[in-house]
Amino acid sequence: MSASQLYQQDKKEMRQYYCDALIAEAENNDKIVVIDVDTSISMGTVPFHHAFPERSINCGIMEANAVGIAAGLSATGFIPFFQAFGIFASRRAYDQVFLSCAYQDQNVKIIGADAGVTAAVNGGTHMPFEDIGLMRNIPHMTVIEPADGAMIPQAVRHMAQTWGNFYMRFGRKKMTQIYGPDVEFTIGRANVLRKGSDVAIIACGIMVYEALRAAWALGAEGIDTAVIDMHTIKPIDQNAVIDAAKRCGAVVTAENHNIVNGLGSAVSEVLSEHSPVPMERVGVMDEFGEVGSQEYLMEHFGLTAEKICRKAKRAIRRRQG
């Protein structure tokens, strides 16, 4: 059985998981409010607006203002969830996120959808390849990228119940189902999906499935491959990274993001300080996005299992050499 046979596309969209999780938390916590910027249909939050109209705010297409309002609501005791396309939730409102939310030690939850190439036909202007880097640069910001929808309810629950500023990115539409409904999800603790001794692939988001596909292909060639879902990029699970380096002696990172200041950079920081081993990165190689289907874009930018396999073999050769 191949990875494609074992893991199937989910029947439910990521934005549906997100809204359902928000409603579930809001039913038990009257401090949760939702802030949209004319994106309630795109972000899937219309059911929340119907369920809690008194706790739903639409600011219009004014993302920076929306973040400022979120910070103000937080200062008065509310728990605001602000969601928008990833580029608008990060780049466009960055100064407000930094100063109004983080610098003021507020309690704002920011959701960036259409992560990386999942923006697809919306094109380069709507394709966030740098949002992880921007957000992980903000002191005390927690950065999350779930691998599938099953992780979202626990992520939303943790965000709602934990003080602090959070950024979570994901694709809006359907993703490959990696986990069952009882998945264990702990912020800052990676999920080891496969154990291995020759090379470790550390991935996040849609690249977790590509990492699993790569592991199956490498296994057919006799390469024992570990796969780690690093769903929390900040704070990164240093112990998981160090353990993978010691067990395998070679590491590959895979991310739907620019290789600059993303998951690969975070992992390399840990390795260089604690356990230096040969490392290769799979991700967008310092480029802008463009228009196309997600499948085309993944191939175009090298976000594939095949690319991971080539990088894994290169890391192993470097270790041996």
Protein backbone atom coordinates (compact mmCIF):
# COMPACT_ATOMS: atom_id res chain seq x y z
CA MET A 1 0.00 0.00 0.00
CA SER A 2 1.33 3.44 -0.97
CA ALA A 3 0.97 6.69 0.93
CA SER A 4 -1.62 7.90 -1.59
CA GLN A 5 -3.72 4.81 -0.85
CA LEU A 6 -3.33 5.15 2.92
CA TYR A 7 -4.11 8.88 3.16
CA GLN A 8 -7.22 10.24 1.44
CA GLN A 9 -8.49 13.75 0.78
CA ASP A 10 -10.70 15.02 3.55
CA LYS A 11 -14.38 15.51 2.78
CA LYS A 12 -14.49 18.67 4.86
CA GLU A 13 -12.75 21.97 4.14
CA MET A 14 -10.24 23.50 6.53
CA ARG A 15 -12.33 26.65 6.93
CA GLN A 16 -15.29 24.49 7.98
CA TYR A 17 -13.17 22.82 10.66
CA TYR A 18 -12.09 26.27 11.81
CA CYS A 19 -15.59 27.77 12.07
CA ASP A 20 -17.01 24.67 13.75
CA ALA A 21 -14.20 24.85 16.31
CA LEU A 22 -14.84 28.55 16.92
CA ILE A 23 -18.54 27.94 17.51
CA ALA A 24 -17.79 25.07 19.90
CA GLU A 25 -15.47 27.26 21.96
CA ALA A 26 -17.78 30.28 21.86
CA GLU A 27 -20.65 28.21 23.25
CA ASN A 28 -18.62 27.76 26.43
CA ASN A 29 -16.86 31.13 26.49
CA ASP A 30 -18.81 34.35 26.00
CA LYS A 31 -15.59 36.37 25.66
CA ILE A 32 -14.77 34.97 22.22
CA VAL A 33 -15.44 37.42 19.39
CA VAL A 34 -14.79 37.09 15.66
CA ILE A 35 -13.47 39.88 13.45
CA ASP A 36 -13.77 39.72 9.67
CA VAL A 37 -12.72 42.04 6.85
CA ASP A 38 -15.37 41.29 4.22
CA THR A 39 -14.07 37.71 4.13
CA SER A 40 -16.67 35.81 6.15
CA ILE A 41 -17.69 33.76 3.11
CA SER A 42 -14.11 33.16 1.99
CA MET A 43 -12.98 32.31 5.52
CA GLY A 44 -16.05 30.20 6.26
CA THR A 45 -17.16 32.16 9.33
CA VAL A 46 -20.74 32.87 8.18
CA PRO A 47 -22.16 30.17 10.53
CA PHE A 48 -20.45 31.90 13.47
CA HIS A 49 -22.08 35.21 12.50
CA HIS A 50 -25.46 33.50 12.45
CA ALA A 51 -24.88 31.77 15.78
CA PHE A 52 -23.39 34.79 17.58
CA PRO A 53 -24.31 38.00 15.74
CA GLU A 54 -23.59 40.09 18.84
CA ARG A 55 -20.01 38.75 18.89
CA SER A 56 -19.29 39.17 15.18
CA ILE A 57 -17.64 42.26 13.71
CA ASN A 58 -17.06 43.03 10.04
CA CYS A 59 -14.58 45.87 9.63
CA GLY A 60 -14.71 45.99 5.85
CA ILE A 61 -11.52 45.76 3.83
CA MET A 62 -9.39 47.42 6.52
CA GLU A 63 -7.07 44.77 7.94
CA ALA A 64 -4.83 47.10 9.94
CA ASN A 65 -7.87 48.71 11.55
CA ALA A 66 -9.31 45.25 12.29
CA VAL A 67 -6.13 44.26 14.15
CA GLY A 68 -6.29 47.50 16.14
CA ILE A 69 -9.89 46.74 17.08
CA ALA A 70 -8.85 43.20 18.06
CA ALA A 71 -6.16 44.62 20.35
CA GLY A 72 -8.65 46.99 21.92
CA LEU A 73 -11.16 44.20 22.52
CA SER A 74 -8.40 42.14 24.11
CA ALA A 75 -7.53 45.02 26.42
CA THR A 76 -11.13 45.03 27.67
CA GLY A 77 -11.20 41.31 28.40
CA PHE A 78 -12.42 39.74 25.16
CA ILE A 79 -10.68 36.99 23.17
CA PRO A 80 -10.67 38.18 19.55
CA PHE A 81 -10.11 35.84 16.59
CA PHE A 82 -9.18 37.81 13.47
CA GLN A 83 -9.09 35.91 10.20
CA ALA A 84 -8.16 36.92 6.67
CA PHE A 85 -6.10 35.75 3.75
CA GLY A 86 -2.56 35.14 4.99
CA ILE A 87 -0.99 38.04 3.13
CA PHE A 88 -3.46 40.50 4.64
CA ALA A 89 -3.31 39.00 8.12
CA SER A 90 0.49 39.23 8.14
CA ARG A 91 2.10 41.66 5.67
CA ARG A 92 -0.63 44.27 5.44
CA ALA A 93 -1.32 44.51 9.17
CA TYR A 94 2.17 43.75 10.42
CA ASP A 95 2.86 46.98 12.29
CA GLN A 96 -0.45 46.75 14.13
CA VAL A 97 0.19 43.09 15.00
CA PHE A 98 3.65 43.98 16.28
CA LEU A 99 2.80 47.13 18.26
CA SER A 100 -0.88 46.91 19.20
CA CYS A 101 -0.95 43.18 19.92
CA ALA A 102 2.51 41.86 20.76
CA TYR A 103 4.23 44.93 22.22
CA GLN A 104 1.18 45.61 24.38
CA ASP A 105 1.07 41.96 25.53
CA GLN A 106 -2.49 41.44 24.34
CA ASN A 107 -4.43 38.23 23.69
CA VAL A 108 -5.18 38.23 19.96
CA LYS A 109 -5.58 35.17 17.73
CA ILE A 110 -4.73 35.72 14.06
CA ILE A 111 -5.65 33.26 11.32
CA GLY A 112 -4.01 33.47 7.88
CA ALA A 113 -5.69 31.38 5.18
CA ASP A 114 -4.55 30.36 1.70
CA ALA A 115 -1.07 29.59 3.00
CA GLY A 116 1.63 29.52 0.34
CA VAL A 117 0.67 27.85 -2.94
CA THR A 118 -2.82 27.01 -1.69
CA ALA A 119 -3.72 30.55 -2.78
CA ALA A 120 -3.48 29.02 -6.28
CA VAL A 121 -5.30 31.08 -8.94
CA ASN A 122 -5.41 34.16 -6.70
CA GLY A 123 -1.78 34.48 -7.75
CA GLY A 124 1.40 36.03 -6.46
CA THR A 125 -0.27 39.09 -4.90
CA HIS A 126 -2.30 36.76 -2.65
CA MET A 127 0.36 34.10 -2.04
CA PRO A 128 2.00 34.30 1.40
CA PHE A 129 5.49 32.80 1.22
CA GLU A 130 6.83 34.96 4.06
CA ASP A 131 4.13 35.02 6.74
CA ILE A 132 5.81 32.45 8.99
CA GLY A 133 9.01 34.48 8.86
CA LEU A 134 7.22 37.72 9.67
CA MET A 135 5.32 36.27 12.58
CA ARG A 136 8.15 34.26 14.12
CA ASN A 137 10.15 37.51 14.23
CA ILE A 138 7.63 38.97 16.68
CA PRO A 139 8.60 38.37 20.34
CA HIS A 140 6.44 35.81 22.16
CA MET A 141 4.27 35.10 19.09
CA THR A 142 3.21 31.46 18.71
CA VAL A 143 3.15 30.24 15.09
CA ILE A 144 1.15 27.16 14.09
CA GLU A 145 0.52 25.32 10.81
CA PRO A 146 -1.71 22.25 11.12
CA ALA A 147 -1.23 19.36 8.72
CA ASP A 148 -4.94 18.72 8.35
CA GLY A 149 -8.38 19.67 9.64
CA ALA A 150 -8.40 17.20 12.53
CA MET A 151 -5.79 19.33 14.29
CA ILE A 152 -7.75 22.57 14.09
CA PRO A 153 -10.27 22.01 16.93
CA GLN A 154 -7.49 21.37 19.43
CA ALA A 155 -5.48 24.31 18.10
CA VAL A 156 -8.46 26.66 18.41
CA ARG A 157 -9.21 25.34 21.89
CA HIS A 158 -5.62 25.92 22.98
CA MET A 159 -5.60 29.43 21.54
CA ALA A 160 -8.89 30.29 23.21
CA GLN A 161 -7.75 29.02 26.60
CA THR A 162 -4.15 30.30 26.52
CA TRP A 163 -3.17 33.92 26.99
CA GLY A 164 -1.01 35.37 24.25
CA ASN A 165 -0.78 36.23 20.58
CA PHE A 166 -1.06 33.39 18.09
CA TYR A 167 -0.74 33.09 14.31
CA MET A 168 -2.17 30.01 12.60
CA ARG A 169 -1.93 29.48 8.83
CA PHE A 170 -3.62 26.88 6.64
CA GLY A 171 -5.23 26.35 3.25
CA ARG A 172 -8.93 27.18 3.12
CA LYS A 173 -10.04 24.20 1.07
CA LYS A 174 -9.79 20.43 1.49
CA MET A 175 -6.50 18.82 2.47
CA THR A 176 -5.24 15.27 2.67
CA GLN A 177 -6.40 13.66 5.90
CA ILE A 178 -3.37 12.70 7.97
CA TYR A 179 -4.89 12.20 11.41
CA GLY A 180 -7.97 10.64 12.91
CA PRO A 181 -10.42 12.59 15.06
CA ASP A 182 -8.55 11.61 18.25
CA VAL A 183 -5.22 13.15 17.19
CA GLU A 184 -2.98 14.31 20.04
CA PHE A 185 -1.96 17.92 19.53
CA THR A 186 0.23 19.86 21.93
CA ILE A 187 1.59 23.32 21.13
CA GLY A 188 5.35 23.18 20.93
CA ARG A 189 5.56 19.38 20.76
CA ALA A 190 6.07 17.80 17.34
CA ASN A 191 4.26 14.66 16.19
CA VAL A 192 6.56 11.84 15.09
CA LEU A 193 4.64 10.08 12.32
CA ARG A 194 7.38 7.64 11.32
CA LYS A 195 10.55 6.54 13.05
CA GLY A 196 13.70 6.06 11.01
CA SER A 197 17.47 5.88 11.24
CA ASP A 198 18.86 7.07 7.88
CA VAL A 199 17.28 10.50 7.38
CA ALA A 200 14.63 12.62 9.10
CA ILE A 201 12.11 14.73 7.21
CA ILE A 202 10.69 17.60 9.26
CA ALA A 203 7.63 19.14 7.62
CA CYS A 204 4.59 21.31 8.29
CA GLY A 205 1.23 21.97 6.67
CA ILE A 206 0.57 20.45 3.25
CA MET A 207 4.17 19.27 3.08
CA VAL A 208 3.57 16.66 5.79
CA TYR A 209 1.73 14.50 3.25
CA GLU A 210 4.54 15.02 0.71
CA ALA A 211 7.02 13.99 3.40
CA LEU A 212 5.06 10.78 4.02
CA ARG A 213 4.99 10.06 0.29
CA ALA A 214 8.73 10.62 0.15
CA ALA A 215 9.28 8.29 3.10
CA TRP A 216 7.38 5.51 1.33
CA ALA A 217 9.43 6.00 -1.84
CA LEU A 218 12.72 6.11 0.05
CA GLY A 219 11.71 3.02 2.01
CA ALA A 220 11.30 1.12 -1.24
CA GLU A 221 14.99 1.85 -1.86
CA GLY A 222 15.99 0.65 1.58
CA ILE A 223 16.32 4.12 3.16
CA ASP A 224 14.83 4.15 6.65
CA THR A 225 13.11 7.53 6.90
CA ALA A 226 11.66 9.37 9.88
CA VAL A 227 8.82 11.86 9.35
CA ILE A 228 8.08 14.60 11.89
CA ASP A 229 5.10 16.95 11.74
CA MET A 230 6.45 20.21 13.14
CA HIS A 231 3.03 21.83 13.42
CA THR A 232 4.35 24.49 15.81
CA ILE A 233 7.10 26.48 14.14
CA LYS A 234 7.43 28.77 17.14
CA PRO A 235 8.15 27.68 19.80
CA ILE A 236 9.82 24.88 17.87
CA ASP A 237 10.23 21.47 19.48
CA GLN A 238 14.00 21.56 19.99
CA ASN A 239 14.09 18.13 21.58
CA ALA A 240 12.42 16.54 18.53
CA VAL A 241 14.90 18.22 16.19
CA ILE A 242 17.93 17.24 18.26
CA ASP A 243 16.69 13.67 18.67
CA ALA A 244 16.12 13.35 14.91
CA ALA A 245 19.63 14.63 14.22
CA LYS A 246 21.21 12.19 16.65
CA ARG A 247 19.20 9.21 15.40
CA CYS A 248 19.56 9.85 11.68
CA GLY A 249 22.56 12.12 11.20
CA ALA A 250 20.83 13.82 8.26
CA VAL A 251 17.80 16.13 8.13
CA VAL A 252 15.52 17.53 5.43
CA THR A 253 12.92 20.24 6.04
CA ALA A 254 9.85 20.70 3.85
CA GLU A 255 7.59 23.76 3.93
CA ASN A 256 5.04 25.57 1.81
CA HIS A 257 6.89 28.82 2.44
CA ASN A 258 10.03 30.69 1.53
CA ILE A 259 13.11 28.85 2.78
CA VAL A 260 14.21 32.22 4.24
CA ASN A 261 13.12 32.51 7.88
CA GLY A 262 10.62 29.67 7.74
CA LEU A 263 10.62 26.14 9.13
CA GLY A 264 13.98 25.33 7.54
CA SER A 265 15.59 28.35 9.16
CA ALA A 266 14.08 27.49 12.54
CA VAL A 267 15.35 23.90 12.34
CA SER A 268 18.81 24.98 11.16
CA GLU A 269 19.09 27.34 14.13
CA VAL A 270 18.48 24.44 16.50
CA LEU A 271 20.89 22.13 14.68
CA SER A 272 23.70 24.66 14.43
CA GLU A 273 23.54 25.35 18.16
CA HIS A 274 22.95 21.85 19.50
CA SER A 275 23.57 19.05 17.00
CA PRO A 276 25.14 20.02 13.65
CA VAL A 277 24.39 17.48 10.90
CA PRO A 278 23.98 17.70 7.12
CA MET A 279 20.69 19.42 6.34
CA GLU A 280 18.77 20.19 3.15
CA ARG A 281 15.74 22.43 2.70
CA VAL A 282 12.70 22.00 0.45
CA GLY A 283 10.61 25.12 0.02
CA VAL A 284 10.17 28.17 -2.15
CA MET A 285 13.66 29.27 -3.13
CA ASP A 286 13.38 33.00 -2.44
CA GLU A 287 10.82 33.66 -5.19
CA PHE A 288 7.51 35.44 -5.64
CA GLY A 289 4.28 33.53 -6.16
CA GLU A 290 2.37 33.26 -9.43
CA VAL A 291 -0.98 32.15 -10.83
CA GLY A 292 -1.77 28.48 -11.29
CA SER A 293 -3.42 25.44 -9.82
CA GLN A 294 -2.04 24.15 -6.54
CA GLU A 295 -0.73 21.03 -8.30
CA TYR A 296 1.09 23.09 -10.92
CA LEU A 297 2.55 25.45 -8.33
CA MET A 298 3.79 22.64 -6.12
CA GLU A 299 5.61 21.18 -9.10
CA HIS A 300 6.86 24.58 -10.25
CA PHE A 301 8.32 25.49 -6.85
CA GLY A 302 9.57 21.98 -6.08
CA LEU A 303 7.18 21.30 -3.20
CA THR A 304 6.92 17.60 -4.00
CA ALA A 305 7.77 14.20 -2.59
CA GLU A 306 10.19 13.72 -5.48
CA LYS A 307 12.13 16.83 -4.52
CA ILE A 308 12.21 15.70 -0.89
CA CYS A 309 13.63 12.33 -1.97
CA ARG A 310 16.43 14.00 -3.93
CA LYS A 311 17.28 16.27 -1.01
CA ALA A 312 17.19 13.32 1.42
CA LYS A 313 19.67 11.35 -0.67
CA ARG A 314 21.91 14.39 -0.91
CA ALA A 315 21.85 14.87 2.86
CA ILE A 316 22.76 11.20 3.34
CA ARG A 317 25.65 11.48 0.85
CA ARG A 318 26.93 14.52 2.71
CA ARG A 319 26.80 12.63 5.99
CA GLN A 320 28.66 9.68 4.48
CA GLY A 321 31.19 11.90 2.75
